[in-house]
């Protein structure tokens, strides 16, 4: 399965910042976060449909403190990471 990040999901990932860690540590965290998200999406596939009405037709997983919304192409060969939201973030 090919995993593609949408521009909005990439933007959300790029906006992750930390006041407690250096830029290099934050960069390494983001790389590891992407790896864990993609591994979990591959394992969970379609087992966790999103319950929010605005995300109907998508799936949701939790990684660290982030909600990750994703969907699949019609042939299920491509998974689209659509959004990355911190659990405390509204919508």
Protein backbone atom coordinates (compact mmCIF):
# COMPACT_ATOMS: atom_id res chain seq x y z
CA UNK A 1 0.00 0.00 0.00
CA UNK A 2 1.25 3.44 -0.92
CA UNK A 3 0.76 6.13 1.73
CA UNK A 4 0.42 9.76 0.62
CA UNK A 5 0.13 12.81 2.84
CA UNK A 6 -2.24 15.54 1.69
CA UNK A 7 -0.98 19.15 1.72
CA UNK A 8 -3.08 19.96 4.80
CA UNK A 9 -1.66 16.98 6.71
CA UNK A 10 1.88 17.96 5.70
CA UNK A 11 1.22 21.51 6.88
CA UNK A 12 -0.03 20.25 10.25
CA UNK A 13 3.08 18.10 10.61
CA UNK A 14 5.33 21.04 9.73
CA UNK A 15 3.63 23.18 12.40
CA UNK A 16 4.60 20.86 15.26
CA UNK A 17 6.88 22.86 17.56
CA UNK A 18 8.27 22.39 21.04
CA UNK A 19 9.48 24.86 23.64
CA UNK A 20 11.13 22.05 25.59
CA UNK A 21 13.18 20.46 22.82
CA UNK A 22 15.70 21.73 20.29
CA UNK A 23 14.85 22.10 16.62
CA UNK A 24 16.93 18.99 15.88
CA UNK A 25 15.13 16.94 18.54
CA UNK A 26 11.77 18.14 17.22
CA UNK A 27 12.80 17.24 13.66
CA UNK A 28 13.77 13.72 14.79
CA UNK A 29 10.47 13.41 16.66
CA UNK A 30 8.53 14.34 13.50
CA UNK A 31 10.41 11.72 11.48
CA UNK A 32 9.63 9.08 14.09
CA UNK A 33 6.01 10.25 14.32
CA UNK A 34 5.55 9.84 10.54
CA UNK A 35 7.07 6.35 10.73
CA UNK A 36 4.75 5.32 13.59
CA UNK A 37 1.69 6.81 11.89
CA UNK A 38 2.39 4.99 8.64
CA UNK A 39 3.05 1.70 10.43
CA UNK A 40 -0.16 1.98 12.45
CA UNK A 41 -2.23 2.90 9.37
CA UNK A 42 -0.86 -0.18 7.59
CA UNK A 43 -1.78 -2.40 10.54
CA UNK A 44 -5.18 -0.89 11.37
CA UNK A 45 -6.33 -0.30 7.76
CA UNK A 46 -10.13 0.09 7.86
CA UNK A 47 -10.80 -1.09 11.39
CA UNK A 48 -11.31 2.35 13.00
CA UNK A 49 -13.92 4.44 11.13
CA UNK A 50 -14.09 8.07 12.26
CA UNK A 51 -17.23 8.80 14.27
CA UNK A 52 -17.36 12.54 13.62
CA UNK A 53 -19.98 13.45 10.97
CA UNK A 54 -17.58 15.85 9.24
CA UNK A 55 -15.13 12.97 8.69
CA UNK A 56 -17.62 10.44 7.33
CA UNK A 57 -15.93 7.94 5.02
CA UNK A 58 -12.56 8.30 6.73
CA UNK A 59 -10.76 6.40 9.44
CA UNK A 60 -9.08 7.64 12.60
CA UNK A 61 -6.24 6.40 14.75
CA UNK A 62 -4.43 7.88 17.71
CA UNK A 63 -0.65 8.13 17.70
CA UNK A 64 0.98 9.81 20.67
CA UNK A 65 -1.45 12.66 21.35
CA UNK A 66 -2.44 13.10 17.73
CA UNK A 67 -5.63 12.11 15.94
CA UNK A 68 -4.78 10.97 12.43
CA UNK A 69 -7.55 10.92 9.82
CA UNK A 70 -7.05 8.93 6.64
CA UNK A 71 -8.92 7.42 3.70
CA UNK A 72 -8.29 5.03 0.84
CA UNK A 73 -8.47 5.17 -2.92
CA UNK A 74 -11.27 3.11 -4.47
CA UNK A 75 -8.90 0.25 -5.27
CA UNK A 76 -7.39 0.42 -1.73
CA UNK A 77 -3.86 0.74 -3.13
CA UNK A 78 -3.33 4.27 -1.86
CA UNK A 79 -3.92 5.54 1.65
CA UNK A 80 -4.29 9.30 2.05
CA UNK A 81 -3.29 10.84 5.36
CA UNK A 82 -5.80 13.69 5.40
CA UNK A 83 -5.34 15.40 8.74
CA UNK A 84 -3.19 15.42 11.83
CA UNK A 85 -4.74 17.04 14.90
CA UNK A 86 -3.54 17.25 18.47
CA UNK A 87 -6.10 15.70 20.83
CA UNK A 88 -6.60 19.06 22.55
CA UNK A 89 -7.21 20.81 19.23
CA UNK A 90 -10.83 21.51 18.38
CA UNK A 91 -11.94 20.13 14.97
